Protein backbone atom coordinates (compact mmCIF):
# COMPACT_ATOMS: atom_id res chain seq x y z
CA MET A 1 96.53 90.51 57.64
CA HIS A 2 97.34 93.52 55.52
CA VAL A 3 94.41 95.43 56.94
CA ALA A 4 95.29 94.47 60.51
CA LEU A 5 98.90 95.61 60.05
CA ARG A 6 97.73 98.91 58.67
CA PHE A 7 95.31 99.29 61.58
CA ARG A 8 98.01 98.55 64.17
CA SER A 9 100.35 100.95 62.40
CA ALA A 10 97.73 103.70 62.38
CA LEU A 11 96.89 103.01 66.03
CA SER A 12 100.57 103.17 66.99
CA LEU A 13 100.99 106.47 65.17
CA ALA A 14 97.91 107.86 66.87
CA LEU A 15 99.22 106.83 70.30
CA VAL A 16 102.61 108.38 69.54
CA ALA A 17 100.92 111.60 68.40
CA LEU A 18 98.81 111.65 71.56
CA ALA A 19 101.88 111.17 73.72
CA LEU A 20 103.73 113.94 71.91
CA ALA A 21 100.75 116.28 72.26
CA SER A 22 100.53 115.50 75.97
CA SER A 23 104.25 116.08 76.38
CA ALA A 24 104.04 119.37 74.47
CA CYS A 25 101.13 120.44 76.64
CA GLN A 26 103.11 119.75 79.80
CA ARG A 27 106.07 121.75 78.46
CA ARG A 28 104.07 124.64 77.00
CA ASN A 29 104.94 127.09 79.81
CA ASP A 30 108.48 125.87 80.31
CA ALA A 31 111.49 127.87 79.18
CA PRO A 32 114.02 126.11 76.95
CA ARG A 33 115.97 123.51 78.89
CA THR A 34 119.32 125.02 78.03
CA GLU A 35 120.28 128.50 79.22
CA SER A 36 120.35 130.91 76.29
CA ALA A 37 122.66 133.86 75.83
CA SER A 38 119.79 135.86 74.35
CA VAL A 39 116.08 136.51 74.81
CA ALA A 40 113.98 135.75 71.73
CA VAL A 41 110.75 137.55 70.92
CA GLY A 42 108.40 135.81 68.49
CA ILE A 43 107.14 137.89 65.56
CA ILE A 44 104.29 136.90 63.23
CA THR A 45 103.64 139.23 60.31
CA ALA A 46 103.02 139.28 56.57
CA LEU A 47 106.31 139.36 54.68
CA THR A 48 104.77 137.91 51.51
CA GLY A 49 101.28 137.92 50.01
CA PRO A 50 98.93 140.88 49.46
CA GLN A 51 99.71 142.44 52.86
CA ALA A 52 103.49 142.32 52.41
CA ALA A 53 103.83 146.13 52.33
CA PHE A 54 102.43 146.27 55.86
CA GLY A 55 104.61 143.39 57.04
CA GLN A 56 107.64 145.19 55.67
CA ALA A 57 106.59 148.28 57.64
CA HIS A 58 106.37 146.08 60.75
CA GLN A 59 109.79 144.61 60.06
CA ARG A 60 111.38 148.05 59.73
CA GLY A 61 109.81 149.31 62.94
CA TYR A 62 110.95 146.22 64.80
CA ALA A 63 114.50 146.61 63.43
CA ILE A 64 114.88 150.15 64.76
CA ALA A 65 113.47 149.20 68.17
CA LEU A 66 115.74 146.15 68.34
CA ASP A 67 118.84 148.25 67.73
CA GLU A 68 117.85 150.74 70.42
CA ILE A 69 117.08 147.98 72.93
CA ASN A 70 120.37 146.16 72.41
CA GLU A 71 122.37 149.39 72.39
CA THR A 72 121.08 150.03 75.92
CA GLY A 73 121.85 146.56 77.26
CA GLY A 74 119.04 144.34 76.01
CA VAL A 75 116.92 142.78 78.74
CA LEU A 76 117.74 140.61 81.76
CA GLY A 77 121.39 141.23 80.96
CA LYS A 78 121.01 139.50 77.59
CA LYS A 79 120.83 140.48 73.94
CA VAL A 80 117.36 140.50 72.38
CA VAL A 81 116.80 138.61 69.12
CA LEU A 82 113.74 138.40 66.91
CA ASP A 83 112.30 135.05 65.82
CA VAL A 84 110.26 136.09 62.76
CA TYR A 85 107.61 133.97 61.04
CA ASP A 86 106.04 135.01 57.73
CA ASP A 87 102.30 134.29 57.80
CA GLU A 88 102.08 134.90 54.02
CA SER A 89 99.02 137.12 54.67
CA LYS A 90 97.01 133.99 55.62
CA PRO A 91 95.34 133.19 58.97
CA ASP A 92 96.08 129.45 58.77
CA ILE A 93 99.77 130.15 58.22
CA ALA A 94 99.72 132.55 61.17
CA LEU A 95 98.46 129.67 63.32
CA GLN A 96 101.32 127.49 62.07
CA GLY A 97 103.66 130.28 63.06
CA ALA A 98 102.28 130.36 66.60
CA SER A 99 102.80 126.60 66.95
CA LYS A 100 106.34 126.79 65.63
CA LEU A 101 107.40 129.80 67.72
CA VAL A 102 105.77 128.66 70.95
CA ASP A 103 106.03 124.87 70.90
CA GLN A 104 109.36 124.48 69.13
CA ASP A 105 111.25 127.72 69.69
CA HIS A 106 109.80 128.35 73.18
CA VAL A 107 109.52 132.11 72.79
CA PRO A 108 108.09 133.76 75.93
CA ILE A 109 105.95 136.32 74.06
CA LEU A 110 104.44 136.84 70.59
CA LEU A 111 103.89 140.04 68.59
CA GLY A 112 101.50 140.05 65.65
CA SER A 113 100.02 139.62 63.26
CA TYR A 114 99.38 142.47 60.83
CA SER A 115 95.82 141.73 59.71
CA SER A 116 92.69 141.44 61.81
CA GLU A 117 91.93 138.11 60.11
CA SER A 118 95.23 136.54 61.21
CA SER A 119 95.22 138.22 64.62
CA LEU A 120 91.73 136.92 65.39
CA ALA A 121 92.86 133.41 64.48
CA LEU A 122 95.73 133.73 66.96
CA VAL A 123 93.54 134.59 69.96
CA PRO A 124 92.31 131.06 70.83
CA ALA A 125 95.73 129.65 69.97
CA VAL A 126 97.69 131.85 72.38
CA THR A 127 94.97 131.49 75.01
CA GLY A 128 95.24 127.71 74.82
CA LYS A 129 99.03 127.77 74.77
CA GLU A 130 99.10 130.36 77.58
CA VAL A 131 101.54 132.73 75.92
CA PRO A 132 101.08 136.53 75.88
CA LEU A 133 100.28 138.16 72.53
CA VAL A 134 100.76 141.86 71.81
CA VAL A 135 98.66 142.96 68.81
CA PRO A 136 100.30 146.02 67.23
CA THR A 137 98.03 146.84 64.30
CA ALA A 138 94.82 144.81 63.85
CA THR A 139 91.72 147.00 64.33
CA ALA A 140 88.79 144.52 64.40
CA ASP A 141 87.27 144.86 67.86
CA ASN A 142 86.35 141.18 68.17
CA ILE A 143 90.05 140.54 68.86
CA VAL A 144 89.73 142.08 72.33
CA GLU A 145 86.02 141.45 72.80
CA GLN A 146 86.86 137.80 73.55
CA LYS A 147 88.51 139.10 76.73
CA SER A 148 91.40 136.68 76.65
CA ALA A 149 93.74 137.27 79.56
CA TRP A 150 96.66 136.66 77.18
CA VAL A 151 95.89 139.28 74.49
CA PHE A 152 96.98 142.93 74.62
CA ARG A 153 96.17 145.32 71.78
CA LEU A 154 98.29 148.42 71.23
CA CYS A 155 96.27 150.13 68.48
CA ALA A 156 92.86 151.78 68.47
CA GLY A 157 89.99 149.68 67.14
CA SER A 158 87.25 149.90 64.55
CA ALA A 159 84.76 151.58 66.91
CA ASP A 160 87.36 154.25 67.70
CA TYR A 161 87.94 154.75 63.97
CA ALA A 162 84.23 155.21 63.25
CA ALA A 163 83.75 157.59 66.17
CA ALA A 164 86.67 159.78 65.09
CA MET A 165 85.52 159.92 61.47
CA VAL A 166 81.91 160.74 62.40
CA GLU A 167 83.09 163.50 64.72
CA PHE A 168 85.23 164.90 61.90
CA LEU A 169 82.26 164.80 59.48
CA LYS A 170 79.91 166.49 61.98
CA ASN A 171 82.37 169.37 62.17
CA HIS A 172 82.89 169.61 58.41
CA GLY A 173 79.54 170.17 56.77
CA ALA A 174 77.58 167.48 58.63
CA PRO A 175 76.84 165.28 55.58
CA LYS A 176 73.57 163.40 55.72
CA THR A 177 74.16 160.26 53.64
CA MET A 178 76.87 157.63 53.35
CA ALA A 179 77.87 154.49 51.47
CA ILE A 180 80.14 151.91 53.10
CA VAL A 181 82.51 149.84 50.95
CA ALA A 182 84.48 147.19 52.84
CA GLU A 183 86.30 144.01 52.01
CA SER A 184 84.69 140.79 53.19
CA THR A 185 87.26 139.99 55.88
CA ASN A 186 87.32 140.40 59.64
CA PHE A 187 89.01 143.79 59.24
CA GLY A 188 86.59 145.05 56.61
CA GLN A 189 83.38 143.84 58.19
CA SER A 190 84.33 144.96 61.70
CA ASN A 191 84.99 148.48 60.41
CA ALA A 192 81.81 148.43 58.30
CA ALA A 193 79.68 147.40 61.28
CA ALA A 194 81.29 150.02 63.52
CA MET A 195 80.68 152.79 60.98
CA ARG A 196 77.11 151.66 60.30
CA LYS A 197 76.35 151.96 64.01
CA ALA A 198 78.17 155.28 64.48
CA ALA A 199 76.62 156.82 61.37
CA LEU A 200 73.05 155.88 62.31
CA GLN A 201 73.53 157.19 65.85
CA SER A 202 74.70 160.50 64.38
CA GLY A 203 71.83 160.87 61.93
CA ILE A 204 73.79 159.87 58.83
CA ALA A 205 71.70 157.58 56.62
CA VAL A 206 73.60 154.64 55.10
CA ARG A 207 72.23 154.48 51.57
CA ASP A 208 74.37 151.62 50.33
CA GLU A 209 76.69 149.02 51.83
CA GLU A 210 78.96 146.89 49.71
CA ALA A 211 81.18 143.95 50.70
CA TYR A 212 83.79 142.81 48.20
CA ASN A 213 86.41 140.10 47.84
CA ALA A 214 89.90 141.58 47.96
CA GLY A 215 92.14 141.49 44.91
CA SER A 216 89.54 141.82 42.19
CA PRO A 217 90.80 143.45 38.97
CA SER A 218 87.55 145.40 38.62
CA TYR A 219 85.24 147.00 41.16
CA SER A 220 83.41 149.10 38.59
CA PRO A 221 79.99 147.33 38.87
CA MET A 222 80.08 147.75 42.65
CA LEU A 223 81.17 151.38 42.41
CA GLN A 224 78.42 152.00 39.87
CA ARG A 225 75.86 150.90 42.48
CA VAL A 226 77.44 153.32 44.96
CA LYS A 227 77.22 156.09 42.35
CA GLU A 228 73.52 155.43 41.87
CA ALA A 229 72.98 155.82 45.64
CA ARG A 230 74.52 159.33 45.44
CA PRO A 231 75.98 159.40 48.99
CA ASP A 232 77.63 162.48 50.47
CA VAL A 233 80.38 160.30 51.94
CA ILE A 234 81.94 157.01 50.88
CA TYR A 235 83.68 155.16 53.72
CA PHE A 236 86.17 152.51 52.61
CA ALA A 237 87.81 149.73 54.63
CA SER A 238 90.52 148.45 52.30
CA TYR A 239 94.15 147.42 52.15
CA LEU A 240 96.66 149.16 49.88
CA LEU A 241 96.17 147.28 46.59
CA ASP A 242 92.40 147.63 46.75
CA ALA A 243 92.53 151.24 47.96
CA THR A 244 94.56 152.06 44.87
CA THR A 245 92.21 150.21 42.50
CA LEU A 246 89.08 151.63 44.11
CA MET A 247 90.18 155.23 43.74
CA ARG A 248 91.39 154.80 40.18
CA GLN A 249 88.14 153.15 39.15
CA SER A 250 86.10 155.78 41.03
CA ARG A 251 87.69 158.32 38.71
CA GLN A 252 87.09 156.14 35.66
CA ILE A 253 83.34 155.89 36.30
CA ASP A 254 83.14 159.53 37.49
CA LEU A 255 81.98 158.63 41.01
CA ASP A 256 81.90 161.87 43.00
CA ALA A 257 81.31 162.47 46.72
CA ARG A 258 81.86 165.27 49.19
CA PHE A 259 84.26 163.00 51.08
CA PHE A 260 86.14 159.89 50.07
CA ALA A 261 86.85 158.63 53.59
CA ALA A 262 88.54 155.52 54.93
CA ALA A 263 89.25 153.37 57.96
CA GLY A 264 92.97 154.06 57.65
CA THR A 265 94.97 151.02 56.53
CA GLY A 266 95.60 151.16 52.76
CA PHE A 267 94.47 154.77 52.54
CA SER A 268 96.95 155.78 55.26
CA THR A 269 100.12 154.15 53.99
CA ALA A 270 103.06 156.20 52.76
CA GLU A 271 102.73 154.41 49.40
CA PHE A 272 99.07 155.32 48.80
CA PRO A 273 99.61 158.87 47.45
CA THR A 274 102.56 157.81 45.27
CA ALA A 275 102.28 157.19 41.53
CA ASP A 276 104.41 154.05 41.43
CA LYS A 277 102.98 152.07 44.37
CA GLY A 278 99.64 153.73 45.04
CA ALA A 279 96.83 155.79 43.58
CA GLY A 280 98.97 158.86 42.85
CA LYS A 281 96.81 161.88 41.94
CA ASP A 282 93.66 159.83 42.44
CA ALA A 283 94.53 159.74 46.16
CA GLU A 284 94.25 163.53 46.49
CA TYR A 285 91.59 164.86 48.89
CA THR A 286 90.89 161.46 50.47
CA VAL A 287 90.50 161.59 54.25
CA ALA A 288 91.38 158.71 56.53
CA VAL A 289 91.68 157.96 60.20
CA SER A 290 95.22 157.43 61.38
CA GLN A 291 97.02 156.58 64.59
CA TRP A 292 100.30 158.40 64.09
CA VAL A 293 102.12 160.84 61.82
CA PRO A 294 105.73 162.08 62.11
CA THR A 295 104.59 165.49 63.37
CA VAL A 296 102.89 164.26 66.56
CA LYS A 297 104.38 165.68 69.75
CA TRP A 298 104.85 162.44 71.67
CA PRO A 299 108.36 161.94 73.11
CA GLY A 300 110.62 160.05 70.70
CA ALA A 301 108.29 160.38 67.69
CA ALA A 302 110.51 162.84 65.81
CA GLU A 303 113.61 160.77 66.60
CA PHE A 304 111.95 157.58 65.34
CA ASP A 305 110.95 159.36 62.15
CA GLN A 306 114.51 160.63 61.63
CA LYS A 307 116.00 157.18 62.12
CA PHE A 308 113.46 155.64 59.76
CA VAL A 309 114.17 158.19 57.03
CA ALA A 310 117.93 157.78 57.45
CA ARG A 311 117.68 154.00 57.15
CA TYR A 312 114.91 153.55 54.59
CA GLY A 313 114.68 156.83 52.69
CA SER A 314 111.02 157.58 53.42
CA HIS A 315 108.82 158.67 56.31
CA PRO A 316 107.03 155.89 58.20
CA ALA A 317 103.28 155.41 58.39
CA TYR A 318 101.72 154.38 61.69
CA HIS A 319 102.13 150.64 61.02
CA ALA A 320 105.91 150.84 61.46
CA THR A 321 105.55 152.93 64.61
CA GLN A 322 103.12 150.42 66.09
CA ALA A 323 105.65 147.63 65.58
CA TYR A 324 108.40 149.78 67.08
CA ALA A 325 106.23 150.44 70.14
CA ALA A 326 105.09 146.81 70.42
CA LEU A 327 108.66 145.55 70.78
CA LYS A 328 109.41 148.25 73.35
CA VAL A 329 106.32 147.16 75.31
CA ALA A 330 107.32 143.49 75.15
CA ILE A 331 110.81 144.19 76.46
CA ALA A 332 109.47 146.48 79.19
CA ALA A 333 107.19 143.65 80.33
CA ILE A 334 110.01 141.10 80.32
CA GLY A 335 112.15 143.50 82.32
CA LYS A 336 109.33 144.19 84.76
CA ALA A 337 108.73 140.45 85.16
CA ALA A 338 112.48 139.92 85.65
CA SER A 339 111.88 136.61 83.92
CA THR A 340 110.96 134.89 80.67
CA ASP A 341 108.14 133.08 82.44
CA ARG A 342 105.03 133.61 80.34
CA VAL A 343 102.64 134.09 83.26
CA ALA A 344 104.97 136.66 84.82
CA ILE A 345 105.23 138.53 81.50
CA ARG A 346 101.46 138.52 81.07
CA ASP A 347 100.99 139.95 84.55
CA ALA A 348 103.66 142.57 83.87
CA LEU A 349 101.90 143.64 80.67
CA ARG A 350 98.82 144.49 82.73
CA ASN A 351 100.89 147.07 84.60
CA VAL A 352 103.12 148.40 81.83
CA SER A 353 103.05 152.18 81.50
CA LEU A 354 105.12 153.76 78.74
CA ASP A 355 105.16 157.20 77.17
CA GLY A 356 107.02 157.09 73.88
CA ALA A 357 106.90 157.57 70.13
CA PHE A 358 103.43 156.00 69.79
CA GLY A 359 102.03 157.98 72.69
CA PRO A 360 101.03 156.87 76.20
CA ILE A 361 100.61 153.10 76.52
CA HIS A 362 98.69 151.41 79.29
CA PHE A 363 96.37 148.42 78.89
CA THR A 364 92.86 148.40 80.33
CA GLU A 365 91.32 145.41 82.04
CA ASN A 366 90.34 143.81 78.72
CA GLY A 367 93.84 144.25 77.27
CA GLN A 368 93.09 147.36 75.16
CA ASN A 369 95.39 150.37 75.02
CA ARG A 370 93.37 153.61 74.78
CA HIS A 371 95.06 155.22 71.80
CA PRO A 372 93.86 158.52 70.27
CA VAL A 373 92.77 158.66 66.63
CA ILE A 374 93.46 161.50 64.20
CA VAL A 375 92.15 162.27 60.70
CA THR A 376 94.45 163.06 57.79
CA GLN A 377 93.82 164.27 54.26
CA VAL A 378 96.04 163.70 51.25
CA GLN A 379 97.11 167.18 50.19
CA LYS A 380 99.69 167.57 47.42
CA GLY A 381 100.76 163.97 47.82
CA LYS A 382 101.20 164.05 51.61
CA HIS A 383 99.12 162.82 54.54
CA THR A 384 98.24 166.07 56.34
CA VAL A 385 96.59 166.21 59.79
CA VAL A 386 93.22 167.96 59.57
CA TRP A 387 91.52 166.76 62.78
CA PRO A 388 91.30 167.23 65.75
CA GLN A 389 91.42 170.96 65.18
CA GLU A 390 93.86 171.64 68.01
CA ILE A 391 96.58 169.58 66.31
CA ALA A 392 95.62 170.13 62.66
CA SER A 393 98.45 171.34 60.46
CA ALA A 394 96.16 172.51 57.62
CA PRO A 395 92.45 173.11 56.98
CA VAL A 396 90.38 170.53 55.14
CA LEU A 397 90.23 170.96 51.37
CA GLU A 398 86.94 170.51 49.55
CA THR A 399 86.85 167.50 47.23
CA PRO A 400 86.33 168.74 43.67
CA PRO A 401 84.50 166.61 41.10
CA TRP A 402 86.75 164.45 38.96
CA SER A 403 85.94 166.57 35.94
CA SER A 404 87.48 169.63 37.63
CA ARG A 405 90.73 168.05 38.79
């Protein structure tokens, strides 16, 4: 009897769950039943966890865009509000965020996440839920290679990063050997694979390739293996905490190279060259791909930089600008759709054409925005544009051995 009761109870719960799932599925594309005085945009980013610095940059970029949008009338005659979900720097939490924002809060569009790991996890979720997703920052190319009709990526990808860095290297001494050091995540391995391919096609021999688990207190044994390979270039794909540790420990073991290069990210943040939050003097001479600096000539870039400095006391890195642009793109699509219907917004995103602080924005057939990539070098504690030559603000500095610094 006890067993039978438990079975009937479990069966009843299962039937209820199935009914709720079916009901949710039927409602997935519906707007909220009650008319709202505002239009909510769903945001998924990392406000806590190891990627919190990047999530904070997102949050600040979104805040400035939100003020500008509402100061000019919002969208559809309504105020815009942000419905923000902290993914805690974890892909599974990002998926929970998508369910909450779409199924419960009924947002018509999602922006996020920060990391490639979390963004990749979101692709099948938003495709199944039929809600448009604008990816502001994640560089792993497998995010768009799935060719979901619901995914639109604003930033350049890992193949673009590798191509830009190889072109820079070919024009600055044409080094012949390389080591690749990348974290064992979607972001790290996508950038490692892209650089491996680009390097080999350009005649650069990859002498060593290392994958590491993020957050380790010591990378010295791994860096020692890189040192033994004696590469001309070391190409890192790392977030801020690891970028800091890797450069400090490179100095400690006296690992020298003609170029310490990177796939942007941690090496491109405003914090990286600082002594309190980054590698400080150990960051000097590093080169990294980047997608934006305050000195670019795109319309609105200087104004965004000024507003950011006035509000937060520091210049933004490209992560904040990507978030700023992503919200502008989302609102432009909602306005173009003249609706919060998700299908209409998706179709509008395919035809959005903006020219603003993050440069020209238009999505190709597979949902990718063709964004240019630049190369910066840390010079006297600042990210300085050194490539392409026509927009460089300073020549490249040779990297001295640690013993001479």
